[in-house]
Amino acid sequence: MTSDQLNYIEKYFIKGLIRILVLSALREGGKCGYHIYRYVNNKTKLKTSLSTVYTIIRELVDRGLITRIGDIYQLTERGFETLNLFLKKYPKLKSIL
């Protein structure tokens, strides 16, 4: 596998998975960024960096899928809808989230 192929997989697949995991981490209630980070790493065993998770959290805030109140992040209504649509389309992934 070339470094271009690896970069492509990391950019699109892995980060896409992390986006869904962040939304999944928040479906039962708000969490601080570090707890989201731990959730992602426990689910994936990938040792994702804290900065990568925070970058994705900021992106999801900017897209209106999650909101931040103090140090706590929560799903917005749009975030719940997005996660539910994803799980309807890919029901087999529900067990790993």
C-alpha atoms as a PDB file:
ATOM      1  CA  MET A   1       0.000   0.000   0.000  1.00  0.00           C
ATOM      2  CA  THR A   2       1.407   3.380  -0.962  1.00  0.00           C
ATOM      3  CA  SER A   3       1.438   6.373   1.358  1.00  0.00           C
ATOM      4  CA  ASP A   4      -1.164   8.058  -0.898  1.00  0.00           C
ATOM      5  CA  GLN A   5      -3.500   5.101  -0.452  1.00  0.00           C
ATOM      6  CA  LEU A   6      -2.949   5.108   3.301  1.00  0.00           C
ATOM      7  CA  ASN A   7      -3.592   8.861   3.484  1.00  0.00           C
ATOM      8  CA  TYR A   8      -6.816   8.406   1.518  1.00  0.00           C
ATOM      9  CA  ILE A   9      -8.040   5.660   3.851  1.00  0.00           C
ATOM     10  CA  GLU A  10      -7.141   7.700   6.920  1.00  0.00           C
ATOM     11  CA  LYS A  11      -8.717  10.888   5.609  1.00  0.00           C
ATOM     12  CA  TYR A  12     -12.012   9.441   4.489  1.00  0.00           C
ATOM     13  CA  PHE A  13     -12.670   6.106   6.164  1.00  0.00           C
ATOM     14  CA  ILE A  14     -11.073   6.438   9.595  1.00  0.00           C
ATOM     15  CA  LYS A  15     -12.122  10.044  10.139  1.00  0.00           C
ATOM     16  CA  GLY A  16     -15.619   9.219   8.903  1.00  0.00           C
ATOM     17  CA  LEU A  17     -15.793   6.414  11.445  1.00  0.00           C
ATOM     18  CA  ILE A  18     -14.612   8.779  14.179  1.00  0.00           C
ATOM     19  CA  ARG A  19     -17.335  11.285  13.223  1.00  0.00           C
ATOM     20  CA  ILE A  20     -20.008   8.618  13.674  1.00  0.00           C
ATOM     21  CA  LEU A  21     -18.432   7.444  16.935  1.00  0.00           C
ATOM     22  CA  VAL A  22     -18.443  10.992  18.326  1.00  0.00           C
ATOM     23  CA  LEU A  23     -22.157  11.276  17.548  1.00  0.00           C
ATOM     24  CA  SER A  24     -22.715   7.830  19.063  1.00  0.00           C
ATOM     25  CA  ALA A  25     -20.811   8.768  22.220  1.00  0.00           C
ATOM     26  CA  LEU A  26     -23.247  11.630  22.777  1.00  0.00           C
ATOM     27  CA  ARG A  27     -26.517   9.820  22.090  1.00  0.00           C
ATOM     28  CA  GLU A  28     -27.033   9.010  25.776  1.00  0.00           C
ATOM     29  CA  GLY A  29     -26.109  12.460  27.044  1.00  0.00           C
ATOM     30  CA  GLY A  30     -23.443  15.120  27.149  1.00  0.00           C
ATOM     31  CA  LYS A  31     -19.767  14.399  27.638  1.00  0.00           C
ATOM     32  CA  CYS A  32     -16.557  16.370  27.887  1.00  0.00           C
ATOM     33  CA  GLY A  33     -14.080  16.102  25.030  1.00  0.00           C
ATOM     34  CA  TYR A  34     -11.755  13.761  26.897  1.00  0.00           C
ATOM     35  CA  HIS A  35     -14.556  11.263  27.568  1.00  0.00           C
ATOM     36  CA  ILE A  36     -15.504  11.366  23.885  1.00  0.00           C
ATOM     37  CA  TYR A  37     -11.842  10.706  23.040  1.00  0.00           C
ATOM     38  CA  ARG A  38     -11.769   7.694  25.389  1.00  0.00           C
ATOM     39  CA  TYR A  39     -15.025   6.368  23.907  1.00  0.00           C
ATOM     40  CA  VAL A  40     -13.584   6.573  20.380  1.00  0.00           C
ATOM     41  CA  ASN A  41     -10.365   4.819  21.371  1.00  0.00           C
ATOM     42  CA  ASN A  42     -12.178   2.114  23.342  1.00  0.00           C
ATOM     43  CA  LYS A  43     -14.419   1.361  20.363  1.00  0.00           C
ATOM     44  CA  THR A  44     -11.734   1.411  17.670  1.00  0.00           C
ATOM     45  CA  LYS A  45      -8.520   0.372  19.442  1.00  0.00           C
ATOM     46  CA  LEU A  46      -6.779   2.688  16.945  1.00  0.00           C
ATOM     47  CA  LYS A  47      -5.064   4.995  19.456  1.00  0.00           C
ATOM     48  CA  THR A  48      -6.499   8.048  17.740  1.00  0.00           C
ATOM     49  CA  SER A  49      -4.808  11.244  18.884  1.00  0.00           C
ATOM     50  CA  LEU A  50      -6.625  13.657  21.151  1.00  0.00           C
ATOM     51  CA  SER A  51      -6.039  16.455  18.631  1.00  0.00           C
ATOM     52  CA  THR A  52      -7.722  14.435  15.849  1.00  0.00           C
ATOM     53  CA  VAL A  53     -10.798  13.836  17.993  1.00  0.00           C
ATOM     54  CA  TYR A  54     -10.996  17.514  19.001  1.00  0.00           C
ATOM     55  CA  THR A  55     -10.631  18.582  15.362  1.00  0.00           C
ATOM     56  CA  ILE A  56     -13.582  16.359  14.450  1.00  0.00           C
ATOM     57  CA  ILE A  57     -15.574  17.630  17.446  1.00  0.00           C
ATOM     58  CA  ARG A  58     -15.024  21.231  16.261  1.00  0.00           C
ATOM     59  CA  GLU A  59     -16.104  20.248  12.744  1.00  0.00           C
ATOM     60  CA  LEU A  60     -19.303  18.665  14.079  1.00  0.00           C
ATOM     61  CA  VAL A  61     -20.008  21.798  16.149  1.00  0.00           C
ATOM     62  CA  ASP A  62     -19.493  23.953  13.036  1.00  0.00           C
ATOM     63  CA  ARG A  63     -21.910  21.721  11.088  1.00  0.00           C
ATOM     64  CA  GLY A  64     -24.552  22.039  13.786  1.00  0.00           C
ATOM     65  CA  LEU A  65     -24.540  18.342  14.709  1.00  0.00           C
ATOM     66  CA  ILE A  66     -23.309  18.884  18.249  1.00  0.00           C
ATOM     67  CA  THR A  67     -23.238  21.848  20.575  1.00  0.00           C
ATOM     68  CA  ARG A  68     -20.911  22.899  23.363  1.00  0.00           C
ATOM     69  CA  ILE A  69     -21.995  24.286  26.702  1.00  0.00           C
ATOM     70  CA  GLY A  70     -18.942  24.946  28.847  1.00  0.00           C
ATOM     71  CA  ASP A  71     -16.813  21.829  28.595  1.00  0.00           C
ATOM     72  CA  ILE A  72     -19.738  19.552  27.726  1.00  0.00           C
ATOM     73  CA  TYR A  73     -20.712  18.533  24.201  1.00  0.00           C
ATOM     74  CA  GLN A  74     -24.235  17.381  23.340  1.00  0.00           C
ATOM     75  CA  LEU A  75     -26.040  16.186  20.244  1.00  0.00           C
ATOM     76  CA  THR A  76     -28.319  18.681  18.580  1.00  0.00           C
ATOM     77  CA  GLU A  77     -31.618  17.606  17.058  1.00  0.00           C
ATOM     78  CA  ARG A  78     -29.849  17.599  13.698  1.00  0.00           C
ATOM     79  CA  GLY A  79     -27.120  15.394  15.177  1.00  0.00           C
ATOM     80  CA  PHE A  80     -29.684  12.884  16.478  1.00  0.00           C
ATOM     81  CA  GLU A  81     -31.366  12.824  13.069  1.00  0.00           C
ATOM     82  CA  THR A  82     -28.050  12.326  11.292  1.00  0.00           C
ATOM     83  CA  LEU A  83     -27.019   9.461  13.569  1.00  0.00           C
ATOM     84  CA  ASN A  84     -30.431   7.804  13.274  1.00  0.00           C
ATOM     85  CA  LEU A  85     -30.402   8.086   9.469  1.00  0.00           C
ATOM     86  CA  PHE A  86     -26.941   6.533   9.386  1.00  0.00           C
ATOM     87  CA  LEU A  87     -28.023   3.658  11.633  1.00  0.00           C
ATOM     88  CA  LYS A  88     -31.138   3.031   9.534  1.00  0.00           C
ATOM     89  CA  LYS A  89     -29.040   2.857   6.396  1.00  0.00           C
ATOM     90  CA  TYR A  90     -26.336   0.670   7.994  1.00  0.00           C
ATOM     91  CA  PRO A  91     -28.111  -1.300  10.762  1.00  0.00           C
ATOM     92  CA  LYS A  92     -25.321  -3.861  11.122  1.00  0.00           C
ATOM     93  CA  LEU A  93     -22.978  -1.131  12.352  1.00  0.00           C
ATOM     94  CA  LYS A  94     -25.236  -0.399  15.326  1.00  0.00           C
ATOM     95  CA  SER A  95     -23.646  -3.220  17.321  1.00  0.00           C
ATOM     96  CA  ILE A  96     -20.164  -1.683  17.130  1.00  0.00           C
ATOM     97  CA  LEU A  97     -21.283   1.808  18.059  1.00  0.00           C
END
